[in-house]
N, C-alpha and C. Protein backbone atom coordinates (compact mmCIF):
# COMPACT_ATOMS: atom_id res chain seq x y z
N MET A 1 110.68 113.89 161.37
CA MET A 1 110.80 114.94 160.84
C MET A 1 109.83 114.89 159.47
N SER A 2 108.93 115.73 159.50
CA SER A 2 107.90 115.65 158.23
C SER A 2 108.70 116.23 157.11
N THR A 3 108.62 115.81 155.75
CA THR A 3 109.13 116.08 154.31
C THR A 3 107.75 117.16 153.53
N GLU A 4 106.82 117.13 154.80
CA GLU A 4 105.99 118.02 153.91
C GLU A 4 106.46 119.59 153.51
N LEU A 5 105.92 119.97 152.08
CA LEU A 5 105.78 121.33 152.11
C LEU A 5 104.96 122.33 152.84
N PRO A 6 105.12 123.88 152.63
CA PRO A 6 104.56 124.66 153.69
C PRO A 6 102.97 124.17 153.27
N ASP A 7 102.83 124.14 151.63
CA ASP A 7 101.76 124.02 151.32
C ASP A 7 101.06 122.96 151.66
N GLY A 8 101.38 121.72 152.37
CA GLY A 8 100.82 120.32 152.50
C GLY A 8 101.27 119.56 151.30
N SER A 9 102.09 119.78 150.76
CA SER A 9 101.98 118.65 149.33
C SER A 9 103.98 118.21 149.52
N GLU A 10 103.91 117.33 149.15
CA GLU A 10 105.10 116.26 149.59
C GLU A 10 106.14 116.68 148.16
N PRO A 11 107.47 117.00 148.62
CA PRO A 11 108.55 117.21 147.59
C PRO A 11 108.42 116.35 146.40
N VAL A 12 109.04 117.11 145.27
CA VAL A 12 108.88 116.21 143.94
C VAL A 12 109.33 114.50 144.17
N SER A 13 110.23 114.49 144.70
CA SER A 13 110.87 113.15 144.87
C SER A 13 109.69 112.31 145.44
N SER A 14 109.49 112.69 146.67
CA SER A 14 108.37 111.93 147.25
C SER A 14 107.24 111.31 146.72
N TYR A 15 106.64 112.03 145.87
CA TYR A 15 105.33 111.79 144.48
C TYR A 15 106.09 110.87 143.47
N LEU A 16 107.11 111.08 142.91
CA LEU A 16 107.59 110.66 141.74
C LEU A 16 108.04 109.15 141.72
N SER A 17 108.50 109.04 143.37
CA SER A 17 108.85 107.53 143.89
C SER A 17 107.91 106.49 143.77
N LYS A 18 106.63 107.23 143.61
CA LYS A 18 105.41 106.34 143.63
C LYS A 18 105.01 105.71 142.37
N LEU A 19 105.36 106.44 141.30
CA LEU A 19 104.64 105.98 139.95
C LEU A 19 105.20 104.75 138.88
N GLU A 20 105.99 104.20 139.50
CA GLU A 20 106.75 102.94 139.26
C GLU A 20 105.66 101.96 139.91
N GLY A 21 105.20 101.82 141.18
CA GLY A 21 104.31 100.85 141.43
C GLY A 21 102.69 101.16 141.08
N ILE A 22 102.41 102.43 141.29
CA ILE A 22 101.12 102.71 140.55
C ILE A 22 101.09 102.12 139.09
N SER A 23 102.11 102.36 138.25
CA SER A 23 101.73 101.83 136.66
C SER A 23 101.93 100.29 136.79
N ALA A 24 102.55 100.04 137.74
CA ALA A 24 102.40 98.38 137.71
C ALA A 24 101.72 97.69 138.21
N LEU A 25 100.74 98.34 139.32
CA LEU A 25 99.03 98.11 139.50
C LEU A 25 98.22 98.32 138.55
N ASP A 26 98.48 99.38 137.64
CA ASP A 26 97.47 99.91 136.60
C ASP A 26 97.79 98.56 135.56
N VAL A 27 98.85 97.65 135.06
CA VAL A 27 98.98 97.01 134.24
C VAL A 27 98.49 95.74 134.61
N SER A 28 98.93 95.39 135.68
CA SER A 28 98.22 94.16 136.44
C SER A 28 96.62 94.08 136.37
N GLY A 29 96.02 95.62 136.82
CA GLY A 29 94.54 95.70 136.61
C GLY A 29 94.20 95.73 135.47
N LEU A 30 94.69 96.02 134.86
CA LEU A 30 94.22 96.10 133.20
C LEU A 30 94.43 94.47 132.72
N LYS A 31 95.18 94.04 133.04
CA LYS A 31 95.47 92.39 132.41
C LYS A 31 94.00 91.52 133.01
N LYS A 32 94.14 91.91 134.20
CA LYS A 32 93.16 90.81 134.88
C LYS A 32 91.22 91.38 134.46
N ALA A 33 91.37 92.63 134.40
CA ALA A 33 90.24 93.03 133.85
C ALA A 33 89.65 92.82 132.29
N GLU A 34 91.23 92.33 131.37
CA GLU A 34 90.65 91.66 130.46
C GLU A 34 90.33 90.55 130.13
N GLU A 35 90.69 89.71 131.41
CA GLU A 35 89.92 88.23 131.42
C GLU A 35 88.53 88.53 131.50
N SER A 36 88.16 88.99 132.30
CA SER A 36 86.46 89.09 132.57
C SER A 36 85.90 89.83 131.47
N TYR A 37 86.47 91.00 131.18
CA TYR A 37 85.44 91.81 129.91
C TYR A 37 86.08 91.84 128.45
N GLY A 38 87.21 91.18 128.87
CA GLY A 38 87.81 91.48 126.86
C GLY A 38 87.90 92.77 126.65
N ASP A 39 88.02 92.85 125.42
CA ASP A 39 87.86 94.53 124.72
C ASP A 39 86.58 94.65 124.48
N SER A 40 85.77 95.10 125.50
CA SER A 40 84.38 95.28 125.15
C SER A 40 84.34 96.95 125.07
N TRP A 41 85.53 97.67 125.95
CA TRP A 41 85.45 98.88 125.80
C TRP A 41 85.51 99.68 124.49
N LYS A 42 85.96 98.99 123.68
CA LYS A 42 86.12 99.02 122.27
C LYS A 42 85.16 98.64 121.24
N ARG A 43 84.30 98.17 121.74
CA ARG A 43 83.50 97.31 120.85
C ARG A 43 83.25 98.32 120.04
N ARG A 44 82.51 99.26 120.42
CA ARG A 44 81.23 100.31 119.01
C ARG A 44 82.46 101.23 118.86
N GLY A 45 83.93 101.06 118.70
CA GLY A 45 84.83 102.00 117.85
C GLY A 45 85.38 102.92 118.68
N GLY A 46 85.60 103.88 117.81
CA GLY A 46 86.60 105.09 118.85
C GLY A 46 85.40 105.92 119.17
N VAL A 47 84.20 106.43 119.03
CA VAL A 47 83.47 106.85 119.77
C VAL A 47 83.10 106.38 120.93
N GLY A 48 82.72 105.00 120.77
CA GLY A 48 82.41 104.62 122.28
C GLY A 48 83.79 104.56 123.06
N ALA A 49 84.98 104.43 122.71
CA ALA A 49 85.50 104.52 123.64
C ALA A 49 86.17 106.11 124.03
N PHE A 50 85.85 106.89 123.13
CA PHE A 50 85.87 108.24 123.68
C PHE A 50 84.59 108.61 124.83
N MET A 51 83.28 107.98 124.65
CA MET A 51 82.35 108.31 125.32
C MET A 51 82.75 107.79 126.70
N MET A 52 83.54 106.22 126.79
CA MET A 52 83.87 106.08 128.15
C MET A 52 84.74 106.87 128.81
N LEU A 53 85.82 107.23 128.44
CA LEU A 53 86.40 108.58 128.88
C LEU A 53 85.88 109.48 129.13
N ALA A 54 84.39 110.51 128.74
CA ALA A 54 84.25 111.51 128.97
C ALA A 54 83.03 111.00 129.83
N ARG A 55 82.03 109.89 130.32
CA ARG A 55 81.86 109.20 131.33
C ARG A 55 82.54 109.46 132.63
N LYS A 56 83.62 108.77 132.79
CA LYS A 56 84.56 108.60 133.61
C LYS A 56 85.17 110.25 133.94
N TRP A 57 84.90 111.40 132.96
CA TRP A 57 85.64 112.13 133.33
C TRP A 57 84.37 113.07 134.30
N ASP A 58 83.26 113.15 133.30
CA ASP A 58 81.94 113.64 134.04
C ASP A 58 81.79 113.37 135.61
N ARG A 59 82.01 111.72 135.53
CA ARG A 59 81.64 111.70 136.97
C ARG A 59 82.80 111.84 138.26
N LEU A 60 83.85 112.54 137.62
CA LEU A 60 84.95 112.65 138.65
C LEU A 60 84.24 114.17 138.97
N GLU A 61 84.20 115.13 137.58
CA GLU A 61 83.56 116.34 137.72
C GLU A 61 82.76 116.49 139.09
N ASN A 62 81.53 115.87 138.28
CA ASN A 62 80.46 115.73 139.46
C ASN A 62 80.80 115.84 140.78
N ARG A 63 81.66 114.66 141.37
CA ARG A 63 81.92 114.13 142.45
C ARG A 63 82.73 115.33 143.43
N VAL A 64 83.71 116.27 142.58
CA VAL A 64 84.38 117.25 142.97
C VAL A 64 83.63 118.73 143.32
N LYS A 65 82.61 119.04 142.48
CA LYS A 65 82.37 120.43 142.51
C LYS A 65 80.98 120.83 143.39
N SER A 66 81.23 119.84 144.27
CA SER A 66 80.37 120.06 145.66
C SER A 66 81.47 121.18 146.78
N ASP A 67 80.49 121.54 147.83
CA ASP A 67 80.93 122.52 148.98
C ASP A 67 81.31 121.25 149.82
N PRO A 68 82.56 121.38 150.65
CA PRO A 68 82.79 122.78 151.14
C PRO A 68 83.94 123.15 150.43
N THR A 69 84.81 122.09 149.48
CA THR A 69 86.16 122.24 148.78
C THR A 69 85.40 122.21 147.56
N PRO A 70 85.12 122.71 146.44
CA PRO A 70 84.93 122.49 145.25
C PRO A 70 86.08 122.55 144.42
N TYR A 71 86.00 121.44 143.96
CA TYR A 71 87.41 121.16 143.16
C TYR A 71 88.62 120.95 143.50
N ASP A 72 88.77 121.03 144.63
CA ASP A 72 90.17 120.74 145.49
C ASP A 72 90.01 119.26 145.41
N ILE A 73 90.49 118.58 144.29
CA ILE A 73 90.71 117.27 144.23
C ILE A 73 91.49 116.26 145.82
N PHE A 74 92.57 116.93 145.90
CA PHE A 74 92.74 116.38 147.07
C PHE A 74 92.41 116.08 148.24
N LYS A 75 91.53 117.41 148.77
CA LYS A 75 90.71 116.81 149.90
C LYS A 75 89.50 116.20 149.69
N HIS A 76 88.88 116.16 148.67
CA HIS A 76 87.80 115.41 148.02
C HIS A 76 88.33 113.44 148.29
N ILE A 77 89.44 113.52 147.61
CA ILE A 77 89.85 112.07 148.10
C ILE A 77 90.49 111.78 149.13
N ALA A 78 90.60 112.70 150.13
CA ALA A 78 91.02 112.36 151.62
C ALA A 78 89.73 112.23 152.22
N ALA A 79 88.67 112.71 152.05
CA ALA A 79 87.70 112.67 152.25
C ALA A 79 86.64 111.69 152.53
N ASP A 80 87.05 111.00 150.87
CA ASP A 80 86.29 109.73 150.48
C ASP A 80 86.76 108.51 150.54
N THR A 81 86.42 107.55 151.87
CA THR A 81 86.95 106.84 152.75
C THR A 81 85.97 105.56 151.85
N ARG A 82 85.36 105.10 150.99
CA ARG A 82 84.55 104.36 150.69
C ARG A 82 85.42 103.65 150.05
N GLY A 83 85.15 101.90 149.32
CA GLY A 83 86.38 101.58 148.91
C GLY A 83 86.24 101.70 147.16
N GLU A 84 85.22 102.13 146.56
CA GLU A 84 85.32 102.86 145.35
C GLU A 84 84.76 103.84 145.31
N GLY A 85 85.76 104.92 146.13
CA GLY A 85 85.46 106.42 145.95
C GLY A 85 85.87 106.77 144.89
N LEU A 86 86.31 108.23 144.88
CA LEU A 86 86.94 109.14 144.17
C LEU A 86 88.22 108.68 143.65
N ILE A 87 89.14 107.92 144.14
CA ILE A 87 90.09 107.53 143.81
C ILE A 87 90.11 106.73 142.93
N ASP A 88 89.17 105.53 143.48
CA ASP A 88 88.70 104.60 142.22
C ASP A 88 88.44 104.90 141.06
N ASP A 89 87.66 105.95 140.56
CA ASP A 89 87.64 106.45 139.26
C ASP A 89 88.46 107.14 138.72
N ILE A 90 89.69 107.94 139.54
CA ILE A 90 91.05 108.40 138.93
C ILE A 90 91.38 107.33 138.45
N ARG A 91 91.56 106.22 138.76
CA ARG A 91 92.33 104.65 138.53
C ARG A 91 91.74 104.49 137.36
N ASP A 92 90.59 104.81 137.20
CA ASP A 92 89.69 103.86 136.01
C ASP A 92 90.25 104.95 134.59
N LEU A 93 89.79 105.91 134.76
CA LEU A 93 90.19 106.87 134.07
C LEU A 93 91.73 106.83 133.48
N ARG A 94 92.76 106.64 134.46
CA ARG A 94 94.14 107.01 133.87
C ARG A 94 94.17 105.23 133.26
N ARG A 95 93.99 104.32 133.14
CA ARG A 95 94.08 103.21 132.81
C ARG A 95 92.98 103.11 131.56
N TYR A 96 91.74 103.72 131.58
CA TYR A 96 91.00 103.97 129.85
C TYR A 96 91.88 104.75 128.97
N LEU A 97 92.75 105.36 129.50
CA LEU A 97 93.48 106.22 129.03
C LEU A 97 94.70 105.72 128.35
N MET A 98 95.23 104.60 129.25
CA MET A 98 96.34 104.12 129.03
C MET A 98 95.97 103.22 127.69
N LEU A 99 94.87 102.67 127.91
CA LEU A 99 94.20 101.68 126.95
C LEU A 99 94.24 102.28 125.74
N VAL A 100 93.61 103.09 125.26
CA VAL A 100 93.58 104.45 124.26
C VAL A 100 94.77 104.06 123.90
N GLU A 101 96.18 104.35 123.99
CA GLU A 101 96.82 104.58 123.49
C GLU A 101 97.69 103.22 123.42
N ALA A 102 97.56 102.41 124.12
CA ALA A 102 98.14 101.30 124.01
C ALA A 102 97.42 100.59 122.32
N GLU A 103 96.08 100.62 122.57
CA GLU A 103 95.34 100.18 121.02
C GLU A 103 96.12 101.11 119.98
N MET A 104 96.30 102.37 119.94
CA MET A 104 96.88 103.17 118.74
C MET A 104 98.33 102.64 118.03
N VAL A 105 98.84 102.24 119.29
CA VAL A 105 100.31 101.59 119.41
C VAL A 105 100.12 100.35 118.66
N ALA A 106 99.65 99.82 119.05
CA ALA A 106 99.11 98.28 118.53
C ALA A 106 98.62 98.19 117.27
N ARG A 107 98.04 99.15 116.69
CA ARG A 107 97.35 99.50 115.40
C ARG A 107 98.63 100.16 114.46
N GLY A 108 99.58 100.33 115.22
CA GLY A 108 100.86 100.53 114.16
C GLY A 108 100.66 102.13 113.73
N THR A 109 99.80 102.72 114.44
CA THR A 109 100.09 104.24 114.44
C THR A 109 101.19 105.14 114.89
N GLN A 110 101.70 106.01 114.05
CA GLN A 110 102.81 106.86 114.41
C GLN A 110 102.45 108.14 115.35
N LEU A 111 102.81 107.71 116.67
CA LEU A 111 102.14 109.10 117.37
C LEU A 111 103.45 109.98 117.86
N GLY A 112 104.29 109.86 118.01
CA GLY A 112 105.37 110.36 118.00
C GLY A 112 105.91 110.40 119.53
N GLY A 113 106.70 111.04 119.90
CA GLY A 113 106.87 110.94 121.31
C GLY A 113 106.27 112.33 121.43
N HIS A 114 106.60 112.53 123.14
CA HIS A 114 105.91 113.38 123.78
C HIS A 114 106.93 114.55 124.60
N ARG A 115 106.64 115.42 124.45
CA ARG A 115 107.85 116.80 124.29
C ARG A 115 108.66 116.45 125.85
N ASP A 116 107.91 115.50 126.91
CA ASP A 116 108.87 115.05 128.24
C ASP A 116 109.66 114.30 127.91
N ASP A 117 109.86 113.45 127.05
CA ASP A 117 110.24 112.00 127.03
C ASP A 117 111.72 112.16 126.92
N ALA A 118 112.59 111.31 127.46
CA ALA A 118 113.62 111.74 127.21
C ALA A 118 114.52 111.24 125.82
């Protein structure tokens, strides 16, 4: 029996149960990348870090704005079977965002909590 909803999506509990595994892979991947690249992502300061994020977002946008399903990211991911496809860019952007926040916490910046935090 399928747990799929009428719109093709999964129930909330289905995708939320994947988050811990995804975040663990992110942390592992970031540590591995650090061994090869060090902190090159922030070498040019905050502007360089921002541009790294902007380039990754631009790449994502360029890849999903095409026909036949413009901006339907789920369909574009499913159709892109390359090893370094669209999902790879999504993972990179998520990891880069984590790096920026981790850097600010390491600097002792008082960031406050997020509205959804417990």
